[in-house]
Amino acid sequence: MGGEVEIWDTTVEIWDEYQPTSLLPTLVSSVFSKQARFLYDDLAANKLHVVLVPAPDPRHYSHMIRRVETLNPEWYSDLYEQNPHFRRDRSFSALERIMQKSDGAFTNTNCGVVSYKFHYDTVYRKLIFHCLTEGYSYEGHEFGPNQRVCAYFGLKVKRATRRDEEEVPF
């Protein structure tokens, strides 16, 4: 995911999604934090909501069918599909920790029911890293990679982006 980089105020040897964002320079960790804020707000504003409506071709009295009123964000649906038993409440907690730059390093412990700590932090750091270095589309708009983040990790920017000085929309 990354390598040793010495062009910034700090050097991180091979940072990856298993390590906290607090190890990154302030400029880079701030971009991660802003991206986490957007994901948090998007997840809070969009939740799967299913309602019952009268059936178009009723088979009996009071025949109803289910209809989706609102959907989860597409990125959350993808995470839910890839991670069995993925929980919304833990997603909010992980995103809050990333926003506050207090996310933890992934640890694999063999105590108790859960054999790891900060798994959700890791999942969201990986998603954010991918969005910031590869670009993404959101609600029909294309966003290119973030130049600051790509420069820090020594990655080439595939296309120009206008959001380096702006608030990250996703």
N, C-alpha and C. Protein backbone atom coordinates (compact mmCIF):
# COMPACT_ATOMS: atom_id res chain seq x y z
N MET A 1 0.82 -1.19 0.00
CA MET A 1 0.00 0.00 0.00
C MET A 1 0.86 1.25 0.00
N GLY A 2 1.97 1.23 0.63
CA GLY A 2 2.82 2.40 0.67
C GLY A 2 4.26 1.99 0.88
N GLY A 3 5.12 2.95 0.95
CA GLY A 3 6.52 2.67 1.17
C GLY A 3 7.13 3.76 2.00
N GLU A 4 8.42 3.69 2.21
CA GLU A 4 9.10 4.72 2.99
C GLU A 4 9.17 5.99 2.16
N VAL A 5 8.74 7.08 2.76
CA VAL A 5 8.69 8.36 2.08
C VAL A 5 9.35 9.40 2.97
N GLU A 6 10.22 10.23 2.39
CA GLU A 6 10.95 11.20 3.20
C GLU A 6 10.72 12.64 2.75
N ILE A 7 9.66 12.90 1.98
CA ILE A 7 9.43 14.26 1.48
C ILE A 7 8.55 15.07 2.44
N TRP A 8 8.10 14.49 3.52
CA TRP A 8 7.21 15.16 4.45
C TRP A 8 7.92 15.36 5.78
N ASP A 9 7.19 15.94 6.73
CA ASP A 9 7.78 16.24 8.03
C ASP A 9 8.04 14.97 8.86
N THR A 10 7.42 13.87 8.51
CA THR A 10 7.68 12.61 9.20
C THR A 10 7.87 11.51 8.17
N THR A 11 8.49 10.44 8.58
CA THR A 11 8.69 9.31 7.69
C THR A 11 7.96 8.12 8.27
N VAL A 12 7.17 7.46 7.46
CA VAL A 12 6.47 6.26 7.87
C VAL A 12 6.97 5.13 7.00
N GLU A 13 7.45 4.10 7.63
CA GLU A 13 7.90 2.94 6.87
C GLU A 13 6.72 2.01 6.65
N ILE A 14 6.36 1.86 5.41
CA ILE A 14 5.32 0.93 4.98
C ILE A 14 4.04 1.06 5.82
N TRP A 15 3.40 2.21 5.76
CA TRP A 15 2.10 2.38 6.41
C TRP A 15 1.08 1.59 5.61
N ASP A 16 0.19 0.92 6.29
CA ASP A 16 -0.93 0.25 5.64
C ASP A 16 -2.17 0.41 6.50
N GLU A 17 -3.26 -0.17 6.05
CA GLU A 17 -4.54 0.03 6.74
C GLU A 17 -4.58 -0.57 8.14
N TYR A 18 -3.60 -1.37 8.50
CA TYR A 18 -3.57 -1.98 9.83
C TYR A 18 -2.99 -1.04 10.89
N GLN A 19 -2.46 0.09 10.46
CA GLN A 19 -1.85 1.05 11.38
C GLN A 19 -2.73 2.30 11.50
N PRO A 20 -2.70 2.95 12.65
CA PRO A 20 -3.56 4.13 12.85
C PRO A 20 -3.12 5.32 12.00
N THR A 21 -4.07 6.20 11.73
CA THR A 21 -3.77 7.39 10.93
C THR A 21 -2.92 8.39 11.70
N SER A 22 -2.82 8.23 13.01
CA SER A 22 -1.98 9.14 13.81
C SER A 22 -0.50 9.02 13.45
N LEU A 23 -0.12 7.94 12.77
CA LEU A 23 1.27 7.78 12.33
C LEU A 23 1.57 8.59 11.07
N LEU A 24 0.53 9.07 10.42
CA LEU A 24 0.69 9.84 9.19
C LEU A 24 0.91 11.31 9.51
N PRO A 25 1.53 12.06 8.58
CA PRO A 25 1.68 13.51 8.78
C PRO A 25 0.30 14.17 8.91
N THR A 26 0.27 15.31 9.55
CA THR A 26 -0.99 16.02 9.82
C THR A 26 -1.79 16.29 8.54
N LEU A 27 -1.12 16.72 7.48
CA LEU A 27 -1.85 17.00 6.23
C LEU A 27 -2.55 15.77 5.69
N VAL A 28 -1.90 14.63 5.76
CA VAL A 28 -2.47 13.39 5.23
C VAL A 28 -3.55 12.86 6.18
N SER A 29 -3.27 12.86 7.48
CA SER A 29 -4.27 12.34 8.43
C SER A 29 -5.52 13.23 8.44
N SER A 30 -5.35 14.52 8.17
CA SER A 30 -6.51 15.42 8.09
C SER A 30 -7.41 15.07 6.92
N VAL A 31 -6.81 14.67 5.80
CA VAL A 31 -7.61 14.27 4.64
C VAL A 31 -8.36 12.98 4.97
N PHE A 32 -7.71 12.03 5.64
CA PHE A 32 -8.38 10.81 6.08
C PHE A 32 -9.54 11.16 7.01
N SER A 33 -9.31 12.10 7.91
CA SER A 33 -10.33 12.51 8.87
C SER A 33 -11.53 13.13 8.16
N LYS A 34 -11.29 13.98 7.18
CA LYS A 34 -12.38 14.61 6.43
C LYS A 34 -13.17 13.57 5.64
N GLN A 35 -12.46 12.61 5.08
CA GLN A 35 -13.13 11.54 4.33
C GLN A 35 -14.00 10.70 5.27
N ALA A 36 -13.49 10.42 6.46
CA ALA A 36 -14.26 9.67 7.45
C ALA A 36 -15.51 10.45 7.85
N ARG A 37 -15.40 11.76 7.98
CA ARG A 37 -16.55 12.61 8.31
C ARG A 37 -17.62 12.49 7.24
N PHE A 38 -17.20 12.51 5.97
CA PHE A 38 -18.18 12.39 4.90
C PHE A 38 -18.86 11.02 4.94
N LEU A 39 -18.08 9.95 5.12
CA LEU A 39 -18.67 8.61 5.19
C LEU A 39 -19.66 8.52 6.35
N TYR A 40 -19.28 9.07 7.48
CA TYR A 40 -20.15 9.06 8.66
C TYR A 40 -21.47 9.76 8.35
N ASP A 41 -21.39 10.96 7.79
CA ASP A 41 -22.60 11.73 7.47
C ASP A 41 -23.46 11.02 6.43
N ASP A 42 -22.81 10.42 5.43
CA ASP A 42 -23.52 9.70 4.38
C ASP A 42 -24.24 8.49 4.96
N LEU A 43 -23.57 7.77 5.84
CA LEU A 43 -24.17 6.59 6.46
C LEU A 43 -25.33 6.98 7.38
N ALA A 44 -25.16 8.08 8.12
CA ALA A 44 -26.23 8.54 9.02
C ALA A 44 -27.46 9.01 8.25
N ALA A 45 -27.24 9.61 7.09
CA ALA A 45 -28.34 10.17 6.31
C ALA A 45 -29.05 9.13 5.44
N ASN A 46 -28.41 8.00 5.20
CA ASN A 46 -28.97 7.01 4.28
C ASN A 46 -29.00 5.64 4.94
N LYS A 47 -30.19 5.21 5.29
CA LYS A 47 -30.36 3.91 5.92
C LYS A 47 -31.45 3.15 5.17
N LEU A 48 -31.25 1.86 5.00
CA LEU A 48 -32.25 1.03 4.34
C LEU A 48 -33.58 1.14 5.08
N HIS A 49 -34.61 1.51 4.33
CA HIS A 49 -35.94 1.64 4.92
C HIS A 49 -36.94 0.99 3.97
N VAL A 50 -37.63 -0.03 4.46
CA VAL A 50 -38.60 -0.79 3.67
C VAL A 50 -39.98 -0.56 4.27
N VAL A 51 -40.95 -0.32 3.39
CA VAL A 51 -42.33 -0.09 3.83
C VAL A 51 -43.27 -1.07 3.15
N LEU A 52 -44.43 -1.24 3.74
CA LEU A 52 -45.48 -2.06 3.13
C LEU A 52 -46.43 -1.16 2.35
N VAL A 53 -46.75 -1.59 1.12
CA VAL A 53 -47.69 -0.84 0.27
C VAL A 53 -48.70 -1.83 -0.30
N PRO A 54 -49.87 -1.36 -0.69
CA PRO A 54 -50.86 -2.26 -1.28
C PRO A 54 -50.30 -2.92 -2.55
N ALA A 55 -50.58 -4.20 -2.71
CA ALA A 55 -50.11 -4.95 -3.87
C ALA A 55 -50.78 -4.44 -5.14
N PRO A 56 -50.02 -4.35 -6.24
CA PRO A 56 -50.62 -3.88 -7.50
C PRO A 56 -51.68 -4.85 -8.04
N ASP A 57 -51.52 -6.14 -7.77
CA ASP A 57 -52.47 -7.16 -8.21
C ASP A 57 -52.85 -7.99 -6.98
N PRO A 58 -53.74 -7.46 -6.13
CA PRO A 58 -54.04 -8.13 -4.86
C PRO A 58 -54.63 -9.53 -5.06
N ARG A 59 -54.16 -10.47 -4.26
CA ARG A 59 -54.65 -11.85 -4.30
C ARG A 59 -55.69 -12.10 -3.21
N HIS A 60 -55.71 -11.22 -2.23
CA HIS A 60 -56.67 -11.34 -1.13
C HIS A 60 -56.84 -9.96 -0.49
N TYR A 61 -57.81 -9.88 0.42
CA TYR A 61 -58.08 -8.64 1.12
C TYR A 61 -56.84 -8.19 1.90
N SER A 62 -56.49 -6.95 1.84
CA SER A 62 -55.34 -6.32 2.51
C SER A 62 -53.99 -6.93 2.11
N HIS A 63 -53.89 -7.37 0.86
CA HIS A 63 -52.62 -7.91 0.34
C HIS A 63 -51.61 -6.75 0.20
N MET A 64 -50.46 -6.92 0.85
CA MET A 64 -49.41 -5.89 0.84
C MET A 64 -48.11 -6.49 0.31
N ILE A 65 -47.26 -5.62 -0.22
CA ILE A 65 -45.92 -6.02 -0.64
C ILE A 65 -44.91 -5.04 -0.04
N ARG A 66 -43.67 -5.48 0.01
CA ARG A 66 -42.61 -4.61 0.53
C ARG A 66 -42.04 -3.75 -0.59
N ARG A 67 -41.72 -2.51 -0.24
CA ARG A 67 -41.09 -1.61 -1.19
C ARG A 67 -39.98 -0.84 -0.47
N VAL A 68 -38.85 -0.71 -1.12
CA VAL A 68 -37.72 0.01 -0.55
C VAL A 68 -37.94 1.50 -0.75
N GLU A 69 -37.90 2.25 0.36
CA GLU A 69 -38.03 3.71 0.28
C GLU A 69 -36.66 4.36 0.16
N THR A 70 -35.73 3.95 1.00
CA THR A 70 -34.37 4.48 0.92
C THR A 70 -33.38 3.33 1.04
N LEU A 71 -32.22 3.50 0.43
CA LEU A 71 -31.17 2.49 0.43
C LEU A 71 -29.97 2.94 1.25
N ASN A 72 -29.19 1.98 1.70
CA ASN A 72 -27.89 2.29 2.29
C ASN A 72 -27.00 2.87 1.20
N PRO A 73 -25.96 3.62 1.57
CA PRO A 73 -25.01 4.06 0.55
C PRO A 73 -24.39 2.85 -0.15
N GLU A 74 -24.07 3.01 -1.42
CA GLU A 74 -23.53 1.89 -2.20
C GLU A 74 -22.24 1.34 -1.60
N TRP A 75 -21.37 2.24 -1.13
CA TRP A 75 -20.11 1.79 -0.55
C TRP A 75 -20.35 0.96 0.70
N TYR A 76 -21.39 1.29 1.50
CA TYR A 76 -21.70 0.53 2.70
C TYR A 76 -22.28 -0.84 2.32
N SER A 77 -23.11 -0.87 1.32
CA SER A 77 -23.66 -2.14 0.84
C SER A 77 -22.55 -3.07 0.38
N ASP A 78 -21.55 -2.50 -0.29
CA ASP A 78 -20.39 -3.31 -0.72
C ASP A 78 -19.63 -3.87 0.48
N LEU A 79 -19.39 -3.04 1.49
CA LEU A 79 -18.71 -3.51 2.69
C LEU A 79 -19.52 -4.60 3.39
N TYR A 80 -20.82 -4.40 3.45
CA TYR A 80 -21.70 -5.37 4.10
C TYR A 80 -21.65 -6.71 3.37
N GLU A 81 -21.58 -6.65 2.06
CA GLU A 81 -21.51 -7.87 1.24
C GLU A 81 -20.18 -8.60 1.43
N GLN A 82 -19.09 -7.84 1.58
CA GLN A 82 -17.75 -8.42 1.69
C GLN A 82 -17.42 -8.91 3.10
N ASN A 83 -18.08 -8.36 4.11
CA ASN A 83 -17.77 -8.68 5.50
C ASN A 83 -18.99 -9.26 6.18
N PRO A 84 -18.97 -10.56 6.51
CA PRO A 84 -20.13 -11.15 7.15
C PRO A 84 -20.45 -10.48 8.49
N HIS A 85 -21.71 -10.26 8.74
CA HIS A 85 -22.21 -9.68 10.00
C HIS A 85 -21.67 -8.27 10.24
N PHE A 86 -21.49 -7.49 9.18
CA PHE A 86 -20.97 -6.13 9.29
C PHE A 86 -22.02 -5.26 9.98
N ARG A 87 -21.60 -4.55 11.02
CA ARG A 87 -22.54 -3.81 11.86
C ARG A 87 -22.42 -2.30 11.68
N ARG A 88 -23.59 -1.68 11.58
CA ARG A 88 -23.68 -0.24 11.39
C ARG A 88 -23.16 0.53 12.61
N ASP A 89 -23.51 0.09 13.82
CA ASP A 89 -23.08 0.78 15.02
C ASP A 89 -21.56 0.77 15.16
N ARG A 90 -20.94 -0.34 14.83
CA ARG A 90 -19.48 -0.41 14.89
C ARG A 90 -18.84 0.43 13.79
N SER A 91 -19.54 0.56 12.67
CA SER A 91 -19.05 1.43 11.59
C SER A 91 -19.01 2.88 12.07
N PHE A 92 -20.08 3.32 12.73
CA PHE A 92 -20.10 4.69 13.26
C PHE A 92 -18.96 4.91 14.25
N SER A 93 -18.74 3.95 15.13
CA SER A 93 -17.67 4.08 16.13
C SER A 93 -16.30 4.17 15.46
N ALA A 94 -16.06 3.32 14.47
CA ALA A 94 -14.77 3.34 13.77
C ALA A 94 -14.57 4.65 13.03
N LEU A 95 -15.60 5.14 12.36
CA LEU A 95 -15.48 6.39 11.62
C LEU A 95 -15.26 7.57 12.58
N GLU A 96 -15.90 7.54 13.74
CA GLU A 96 -15.66 8.58 14.74
C GLU A 96 -14.21 8.58 15.20
N ARG A 97 -13.65 7.38 15.43
CA ARG A 97 -12.25 7.30 15.85
C ARG A 97 -11.31 7.84 14.77
N ILE A 98 -11.59 7.54 13.52
CA ILE A 98 -10.75 8.04 12.43
C ILE A 98 -10.89 9.56 12.32
N MET A 99 -12.11 10.08 12.46
CA MET A 99 -12.32 11.53 12.42
C MET A 99 -11.54 12.23 13.52
N GLN A 100 -11.50 11.61 14.70
CA GLN A 100 -10.82 12.21 15.85
C GLN A 100 -9.33 11.84 15.91
N LYS A 101 -8.88 11.09 14.92
CA LYS A 101 -7.49 10.63 14.83
C LYS A 101 -7.10 9.81 16.07
N SER A 102 -8.06 9.04 16.56
CA SER A 102 -7.79 8.17 17.71
C SER A 102 -8.06 6.71 17.36
N ASP A 103 -8.01 6.41 16.05
CA ASP A 103 -8.21 5.03 15.62
C ASP A 103 -7.04 4.17 16.08
N GLY A 104 -7.32 2.90 16.27
CA GLY A 104 -6.30 2.01 16.81
C GLY A 104 -5.70 1.10 15.77
N ALA A 105 -4.52 0.60 16.08
CA ALA A 105 -3.85 -0.37 15.21
C ALA A 105 -4.55 -1.72 15.34
N PHE A 106 -4.69 -2.40 14.24
CA PHE A 106 -5.30 -3.73 14.24
C PHE A 106 -4.43 -4.66 15.07
N THR A 107 -5.05 -5.38 15.98
CA THR A 107 -4.32 -6.38 16.77
C THR A 107 -5.10 -7.68 16.75
N ASN A 108 -4.39 -8.76 16.63
CA ASN A 108 -4.99 -10.08 16.63
C ASN A 108 -4.71 -10.72 17.98
N THR A 109 -5.71 -10.74 18.83
CA THR A 109 -5.55 -11.32 20.16
C THR A 109 -6.43 -12.56 20.24
N ASN A 110 -6.07 -13.47 21.05
CA ASN A 110 -6.88 -14.66 21.21
C ASN A 110 -7.52 -14.70 22.59
N CYS A 111 -8.20 -13.62 22.93
CA CYS A 111 -8.88 -13.59 24.21
C CYS A 111 -10.34 -13.23 23.98
N GLY A 112 -11.21 -13.95 24.58
CA GLY A 112 -12.63 -13.67 24.45
C GLY A 112 -13.22 -14.16 23.14
N VAL A 113 -14.42 -13.69 22.87
CA VAL A 113 -15.14 -14.11 21.68
C VAL A 113 -14.52 -13.53 20.41
N VAL A 114 -14.17 -12.24 20.44
CA VAL A 114 -13.59 -11.58 19.28
C VAL A 114 -12.07 -11.71 19.36
N SER A 115 -11.47 -12.24 18.32
CA SER A 115 -10.03 -12.49 18.35
C SER A 115 -9.21 -11.34 17.77
N TYR A 116 -9.82 -10.18 17.55
CA TYR A 116 -9.09 -9.05 17.00
C TYR A 116 -9.67 -7.74 17.54
N LYS A 117 -8.85 -6.69 17.50
CA LYS A 117 -9.29 -5.36 17.91
C LYS A 117 -9.10 -4.40 16.75
N PHE A 118 -9.98 -3.45 16.64
CA PHE A 118 -9.94 -2.39 15.64
C PHE A 118 -10.07 -2.91 14.20
N HIS A 119 -10.83 -3.97 14.04
CA HIS A 119 -11.09 -4.50 12.70
C HIS A 119 -11.85 -3.48 11.84
N TYR A 120 -12.85 -2.85 12.41
CA TYR A 120 -13.65 -1.87 11.65
C TYR A 120 -12.79 -0.66 11.27
N ASP A 121 -11.91 -0.23 12.15
CA ASP A 121 -10.99 0.86 11.82
C ASP A 121 -10.19 0.49 10.58
N THR A 122 -9.72 -0.75 10.55
CA THR A 122 -8.92 -1.24 9.43
C THR A 122 -9.73 -1.25 8.14
N VAL A 123 -10.94 -1.74 8.21
CA VAL A 123 -11.82 -1.78 7.03
C VAL A 123 -12.03 -0.37 6.47
N TYR A 124 -12.29 0.59 7.35
CA TYR A 124 -12.55 1.95 6.88
C TYR A 124 -11.28 2.67 6.44
N ARG A 125 -10.15 2.42 7.07
CA ARG A 125 -8.89 3.01 6.59
C ARG A 125 -8.58 2.50 5.18
N LYS A 126 -8.83 1.22 4.94
CA LYS A 126 -8.60 0.65 3.62
C LYS A 126 -9.52 1.29 2.58
N LEU A 127 -10.80 1.45 2.91
CA LEU A 127 -11.74 2.09 2.00
C LEU A 127 -11.33 3.53 1.71
N ILE A 128 -10.99 4.27 2.74
CA ILE A 128 -10.59 5.67 2.57
C ILE A 128 -9.31 5.76 1.75
N PHE A 129 -8.33 4.92 2.04
CA PHE A 129 -7.09 4.92 1.28
C PHE A 129 -7.38 4.68 -0.21
N HIS A 130 -8.22 3.70 -0.49
CA HIS A 130 -8.55 3.39 -1.88
C HIS A 130 -9.23 4.59 -2.57
N CYS A 131 -10.18 5.21 -1.89
CA CYS A 131 -10.87 6.37 -2.47
C CYS A 131 -9.91 7.53 -2.73
N LEU A 132 -9.00 7.76 -1.79
CA LEU A 132 -8.08 8.89 -1.92
C LEU A 132 -6.96 8.65 -2.93
N THR A 133 -6.61 7.41 -3.19
CA THR A 133 -5.51 7.13 -4.11
C THR A 133 -5.96 6.65 -5.48
N GLU A 134 -7.18 6.12 -5.55
CA GLU A 134 -7.68 5.61 -6.84
C GLU A 134 -8.77 6.50 -7.43
N GLY A 135 -9.40 7.30 -6.59
CA GLY A 135 -10.56 8.07 -7.04
C GLY A 135 -11.82 7.22 -6.89
N TYR A 136 -12.96 7.80 -7.14
CA TYR A 136 -14.23 7.11 -6.97
C TYR A 136 -15.33 7.92 -7.63
N SER A 137 -16.50 7.31 -7.74
CA SER A 137 -17.67 8.04 -8.21
C SER A 137 -18.69 8.05 -7.09
N TYR A 138 -19.43 9.15 -7.00
CA TYR A 138 -20.44 9.29 -5.97
C TYR A 138 -21.61 10.08 -6.55
N GLU A 139 -22.78 9.46 -6.52
CA GLU A 139 -24.01 10.07 -7.04
C GLU A 139 -23.82 10.66 -8.43
N GLY A 140 -23.18 9.90 -9.30
CA GLY A 140 -23.01 10.31 -10.68
C GLY A 140 -21.86 11.25 -10.95
N HIS A 141 -21.07 11.61 -9.95
CA HIS A 141 -19.93 12.51 -10.11
C HIS A 141 -18.64 11.71 -9.93
N GLU A 142 -17.65 12.02 -10.74
CA GLU A 142 -16.35 11.37 -10.66
C GLU A 142 -15.38 12.24 -9.88
N PHE A 143 -14.65 11.63 -8.96
CA PHE A 143 -13.63 12.33 -8.18
C PHE A 143 -12.31 11.61 -8.36
N GLY A 144 -11.29 12.36 -8.73
CA GLY A 144 -9.97 11.78 -8.96
C GLY A 144 -9.22 11.57 -7.66
N PRO A 145 -8.06 10.96 -7.75
CA PRO A 145 -7.23 10.76 -6.56
C PRO A 145 -6.80 12.08 -5.93
N ASN A 146 -6.54 12.06 -4.64
CA ASN A 146 -6.07 13.23 -3.92
C ASN A 146 -4.56 13.36 -4.13
N GLN A 147 -4.12 14.48 -4.64
CA GLN A 147 -2.70 14.67 -4.98
C GLN A 147 -1.79 14.63 -3.76
N ARG A 148 -2.21 15.20 -2.66
CA ARG A 148 -1.38 15.20 -1.45
C ARG A 148 -1.14 13.78 -0.94
N VAL A 149 -2.22 13.02 -0.88
CA VAL A 149 -2.11 11.65 -0.38
C VAL A 149 -1.26 10.81 -1.33
N CYS A 150 -1.50 10.95 -2.62
CA CYS A 150 -0.71 10.20 -3.60
C CYS A 150 0.76 10.58 -3.53
N ALA A 151 1.05 11.86 -3.37
CA ALA A 151 2.44 12.31 -3.28
C ALA A 151 3.11 11.73 -2.04
N TYR A 152 2.40 11.73 -0.92
CA TYR A 152 2.97 11.19 0.31
C TYR A 152 3.33 9.70 0.16
N PHE A 153 2.46 8.94 -0.47
CA PHE A 153 2.70 7.51 -0.63
C PHE A 153 3.53 7.18 -1.88
N GLY A 154 3.97 8.22 -2.59
CA GLY A 154 4.81 8.00 -3.76
C GLY A 154 4.06 7.39 -4.93
N LEU A 155 2.78 7.68 -5.03
CA LEU A 155 1.95 7.15 -6.11
C LEU A 155 1.72 8.22 -7.16
N LYS A 156 1.64 7.80 -8.40
CA LYS A 156 1.35 8.72 -9.49
C LYS A 156 -0.14 9.00 -9.52
N VAL A 157 -0.48 10.26 -9.72
CA VAL A 157 -1.88 10.64 -9.84
C VAL A 157 -2.31 10.33 -11.26
N LYS A 158 -3.37 9.56 -11.40
CA LYS A 158 -3.83 9.11 -12.71
C LYS A 158 -4.52 10.20 -13.50
N ARG A 159 -5.16 11.13 -12.78
CA ARG A 159 -5.83 12.23 -13.47
C ARG A 159 -5.87 13.43 -12.54
N ALA A 160 -6.07 14.58 -13.12
CA ALA A 160 -6.08 15.81 -12.32
C ALA A 160 -7.30 15.83 -11.41
N THR A 161 -7.13 16.47 -10.28
CA THR A 161 -8.23 16.61 -9.34
C THR A 161 -8.31 18.04 -8.85
N ARG A 162 -9.51 18.49 -8.57
CA ARG A 162 -9.70 19.87 -8.11
C ARG A 162 -9.95 19.93 -6.61
N ARG A 163 -9.94 18.81 -5.95
CA ARG A 163 -10.36 18.79 -4.57
C ARG A 163 -9.24 18.85 -3.55
N ASP A 164 -8.02 19.01 -3.95
CA ASP A 164 -6.92 19.03 -3.00
C ASP A 164 -7.05 20.15 -1.98
N GLU A 165 -7.58 21.27 -2.39
CA GLU A 165 -7.72 22.41 -1.47
C GLU A 165 -9.13 22.51 -0.91
N GLU A 166 -10.02 21.59 -1.34
CA GLU A 166 -11.41 21.65 -0.93
C GLU A 166 -11.70 20.60 0.14
N GLU A 167 -12.86 20.72 0.72
CA GLU A 167 -13.37 19.68 1.63
C GLU A 167 -13.61 18.43 0.80
N VAL A 168 -13.23 17.30 1.30
CA VAL A 168 -13.38 16.04 0.58
C VAL A 168 -14.85 15.63 0.61
N PRO A 169 -15.51 15.49 -0.57
CA PRO A 169 -16.91 15.13 -0.56
C PRO A 169 -17.16 13.66 -0.26
N PHE A 170 -16.17 12.80 -0.48
CA PHE A 170 -16.30 11.38 -0.13
C PHE A 170 -14.94 10.75 -0.15
